[in-house]
C-alpha atoms as a PDB file:
ATOM      1  CA  MET A   1      13.036 -29.471 -16.485  1.00  0.00           C
ATOM      2  CA  GLN A   2      12.345 -26.238 -14.516  1.00  0.00           C
ATOM      3  CA  LEU A   3       9.558 -23.738 -15.329  1.00  0.00           C
ATOM      4  CA  PRO A   4      11.762 -20.995 -17.270  1.00  0.00           C
ATOM      5  CA  ASP A   5      13.170 -23.971 -19.385  1.00  0.00           C
ATOM      6  CA  PHE A   6      10.355 -25.360 -19.945  1.00  0.00           C
ATOM      7  CA  LEU A   7       8.219 -21.898 -21.029  1.00  0.00           C
ATOM      8  CA  PRO A   8      10.057 -20.649 -23.887  1.00  0.00           C
ATOM      9  CA  ALA A   9      10.483 -23.396 -25.644  1.00  0.00           C
ATOM     10  CA  SER A  10       6.544 -24.487 -25.631  1.00  0.00           C
ATOM     11  CA  ILE A  11       6.124 -21.066 -27.356  1.00  0.00           C
ATOM     12  CA  ALA A  12       9.347 -21.332 -29.386  1.00  0.00           C
ATOM     13  CA  TRP A  13      10.603 -17.982 -27.688  1.00  0.00           C
ATOM     14  CA  HIS A  14      14.332 -17.622 -29.229  1.00  0.00           C
ATOM     15  CA  PRO A  15      14.667 -13.746 -30.495  1.00  0.00           C
ATOM     16  CA  ALA A  16      17.777 -13.001 -31.960  1.00  0.00           C
ATOM     17  CA  GLU A  17      20.294 -10.502 -31.224  1.00  0.00           C
ATOM     18  CA  GLY A  18      19.388  -7.166 -31.760  1.00  0.00           C
ATOM     19  CA  ASP A  19      15.711  -8.196 -32.534  1.00  0.00           C
ATOM     20  CA  LEU A  20      13.259  -5.661 -31.008  1.00  0.00           C
ATOM     21  CA  VAL A  21      10.780  -8.078 -29.043  1.00  0.00           C
ATOM     22  CA  LEU A  22       7.466  -7.839 -28.562  1.00  0.00           C
ATOM     23  CA  LEU A  23       5.092  -9.831 -25.361  1.00  0.00           C
ATOM     24  CA  ALA A  24       1.531  -9.650 -25.786  1.00  0.00           C
ATOM     25  CA  GLY A  25      -1.240 -11.464 -23.377  1.00  0.00           C
ATOM     26  CA  ARG A  26      -3.595 -10.922 -21.103  1.00  0.00           C
ATOM     27  CA  GLU A  27      -3.593 -11.520 -17.202  1.00  0.00           C
ATOM     28  CA  ASP A  28      -3.454 -15.565 -17.694  1.00  0.00           C
ATOM     29  CA  ASP A  29      -0.639 -15.388 -19.698  1.00  0.00           C
ATOM     30  CA  ILE A  30       1.528 -13.532 -16.529  1.00  0.00           C
ATOM     31  CA  ALA A  31       3.802 -16.356 -16.504  1.00  0.00           C
ATOM     32  CA  VAL A  32       4.715 -16.920 -19.670  1.00  0.00           C
ATOM     33  CA  ILE A  33       5.397 -13.211 -20.691  1.00  0.00           C
ATOM     34  CA  GLU A  34       7.813 -13.182 -16.956  1.00  0.00           C
ATOM     35  CA  THR A  35       9.484 -16.508 -18.206  1.00  0.00           C
ATOM     36  CA  ALA A  36      10.375 -15.194 -21.718  1.00  0.00           C
ATOM     37  CA  LEU A  37      11.417 -12.047 -20.195  1.00  0.00           C
ATOM     38  CA  ALA A  38      13.786 -13.285 -17.577  1.00  0.00           C
ATOM     39  CA  THR A  39      15.869 -14.908 -20.890  1.00  0.00           C
ATOM     40  CA  LEU A  40      16.406 -11.768 -22.267  1.00  0.00           C
ATOM     41  CA  PRO A  41      19.739 -10.153 -22.118  1.00  0.00           C
ATOM     42  CA  ALA A  42      19.877  -6.336 -20.244  1.00  0.00           C
ATOM     43  CA  LYS A  43      20.753  -5.041 -23.344  1.00  0.00           C
ATOM     44  CA  ALA A  44      16.826  -6.255 -25.162  1.00  0.00           C
ATOM     45  CA  ARG A  45      14.539  -3.961 -26.762  1.00  0.00           C
ATOM     46  CA  GLY A  46      10.843  -3.957 -26.934  1.00  0.00           C
ATOM     47  CA  GLN A  47       7.619  -3.468 -25.299  1.00  0.00           C
ATOM     48  CA  VAL A  48       5.086  -5.953 -22.910  1.00  0.00           C
ATOM     49  CA  PHE A  49       1.302  -5.464 -23.450  1.00  0.00           C
ATOM     50  CA  ILE A  50      -0.390  -7.414 -21.181  1.00  0.00           C
ATOM     51  CA  GLU A  51      -4.098  -6.708 -20.938  1.00  0.00           C
ATOM     52  CA  ALA A  52      -6.263  -7.063 -17.715  1.00  0.00           C
ATOM     53  CA  GLY A  53      -9.822  -7.262 -17.042  1.00  0.00           C
ATOM     54  CA  ASP A  54      -9.382  -6.898 -13.135  1.00  0.00           C
ATOM     55  CA  PRO A  55      -7.409  -4.054 -12.277  1.00  0.00           C
ATOM     56  CA  GLY A  56      -6.571  -6.070  -9.294  1.00  0.00           C
ATOM     57  CA  VAL A  57      -3.681  -8.008 -10.910  1.00  0.00           C
ATOM     58  CA  ILE A  58      -1.643  -4.897 -11.837  1.00  0.00           C
ATOM     59  CA  ARG A  59       1.424  -5.021 -10.442  1.00  0.00           C
ATOM     60  CA  SER A  60       5.624  -4.864 -11.741  1.00  0.00           C
ATOM     61  CA  ILE A  61       7.540  -7.091 -13.278  1.00  0.00           C
ATOM     62  CA  ALA A  62      10.875  -7.474 -13.982  1.00  0.00           C
ATOM     63  CA  ALA A  63      11.949  -6.490 -17.362  1.00  0.00           C
ATOM     64  CA  PRO A  64      15.268  -5.391 -19.178  1.00  0.00           C
ATOM     65  CA  GLY A  65      16.213  -1.917 -18.598  1.00  0.00           C
ATOM     66  CA  ARG A  66      14.890  -1.326 -22.162  1.00  0.00           C
ATOM     67  CA  VAL A  67      11.769  -3.284 -22.358  1.00  0.00           C
ATOM     68  CA  CYS A  68       8.419  -1.177 -21.477  1.00  0.00           C
ATOM     69  CA  VAL A  69       5.713  -2.747 -19.661  1.00  0.00           C
ATOM     70  CA  THR A  70       2.443  -1.613 -20.341  1.00  0.00           C
ATOM     71  CA  TRP A  71      -1.021  -2.607 -18.293  1.00  0.00           C
ATOM     72  CA  LEU A  72      -3.932  -2.481 -20.022  1.00  0.00           C
ATOM     73  CA  THR A  73      -7.663  -2.601 -18.363  1.00  0.00           C
ATOM     74  CA  ARG A  74     -10.373  -3.607 -20.430  1.00  0.00           C
ATOM     75  CA  ASP A  75     -12.818  -1.532 -17.912  1.00  0.00           C
ATOM     76  CA  ARG A  76     -10.966   1.956 -19.655  1.00  0.00           C
ATOM     77  CA  GLY A  77     -12.056   0.340 -23.090  1.00  0.00           C
ATOM     78  CA  GLN A  78      -8.148  -0.406 -23.369  1.00  0.00           C
ATOM     79  CA  ARG A  79      -7.350  -3.070 -25.930  1.00  0.00           C
ATOM     80  CA  LEU A  80      -4.392  -5.430 -26.840  1.00  0.00           C
ATOM     81  CA  ASP A  81      -5.098  -6.014 -30.430  1.00  0.00           C
ATOM     82  CA  ASP A  82      -5.447  -2.117 -30.983  1.00  0.00           C
ATOM     83  CA  ALA A  83      -2.187  -1.229 -28.688  1.00  0.00           C
ATOM     84  CA  VAL A  84      -0.111  -4.660 -30.733  1.00  0.00           C
ATOM     85  CA  GLN A  85      -1.195  -2.684 -34.238  1.00  0.00           C
ATOM     86  CA  ALA A  86      -0.108   0.795 -33.137  1.00  0.00           C
ATOM     87  CA  TRP A  87       2.864  -0.270 -31.814  1.00  0.00           C
ATOM     88  CA  LEU A  88       4.227  -2.703 -34.561  1.00  0.00           C
ATOM     89  CA  ALA A  89       2.861   0.215 -37.031  1.00  0.00           C
ATOM     90  CA  GLU A  90       5.115   2.053 -35.324  1.00  0.00           C
ATOM     91  CA  MET A  91       7.914  -0.035 -35.090  1.00  0.00           C
ATOM     92  CA  LEU A  92       7.766  -1.521 -39.051  1.00  0.00           C
ATOM     93  CA  PRO A  93       8.015   2.268 -40.817  1.00  0.00           C
ATOM     94  CA  VAL A  94       7.775   1.519 -44.686  1.00  0.00           C
ATOM     95  CA  GLU A  95      11.749   1.991 -45.896  1.00  0.00           C
ATOM     96  CA  PHE A  96      13.636   0.820 -48.699  1.00  0.00           C
ATOM     97  CA  ASP A  97      16.891   1.014 -47.157  1.00  0.00           C
ATOM     98  CA  ARG A  98      16.799  -1.497 -44.152  1.00  0.00           C
ATOM     99  CA  GLU A  99      14.714  -4.120 -42.361  1.00  0.00           C
ATOM    100  CA  HIS A 100      13.049  -3.347 -39.453  1.00  0.00           C
ATOM    101  CA  ARG A 101      12.598  -6.843 -37.149  1.00  0.00           C
ATOM    102  CA  VAL A 102      10.460  -7.616 -34.109  1.00  0.00           C
ATOM    103  CA  TYR A 103      10.144 -10.784 -32.575  1.00  0.00           C
ATOM    104  CA  ALA A 104       7.129 -11.540 -31.273  1.00  0.00           C
ATOM    105  CA  TRP A 105       4.847 -13.738 -29.151  1.00  0.00           C
ATOM    106  CA  ILE A 106       1.096 -12.718 -28.773  1.00  0.00           C
ATOM    107  CA  SER A 107      -1.356 -15.167 -26.840  1.00  0.00           C
ATOM    108  CA  GLY A 108      -3.947 -16.974 -28.757  1.00  0.00           C
ATOM    109  CA  GLU A 109      -1.294 -17.265 -31.618  1.00  0.00           C
ATOM    110  CA  GLY A 110       0.319 -20.047 -31.249  1.00  0.00           C
ATOM    111  CA  ALA A 111       4.590 -20.067 -31.671  1.00  0.00           C
ATOM    112  CA  ALA A 112       7.014 -16.715 -31.552  1.00  0.00           C
ATOM    113  CA  ARG A 113       7.908 -15.483 -34.948  1.00  0.00           C
ATOM    114  CA  VAL A 114       9.145 -12.801 -36.546  1.00  0.00           C
ATOM    115  CA  ILE A 115       7.432  -9.833 -38.591  1.00  0.00           C
ATOM    116  CA  ALA A 116       9.702  -7.619 -40.652  1.00  0.00           C
ATOM    117  CA  SER A 117       9.161  -4.348 -43.161  1.00  0.00           C
END
């Protein structure tokens, strides 16, 4: 078994076609995040947040064109939880005529899951 096969399975990473994706972790989660990104189709849409204590770990990460990778640095007061909550508040508006779906994996919360409004 290769690493790309193992990591998505270990976090139950199986987004449905059309889901917005959200990956959120810290610098020690980079391997999981990169592997999950590698499984996405080119037309995937979503957001990646990576919180780093050391700005020296910040680097370019390959992602589909409509998936934005944002690095957060603790020394600037940027926090993963705050970024995730703000993004979800924007992406999961309350509308009665349609459902909004985000497929998310957030470090420390176990398996990936659907978040819907």
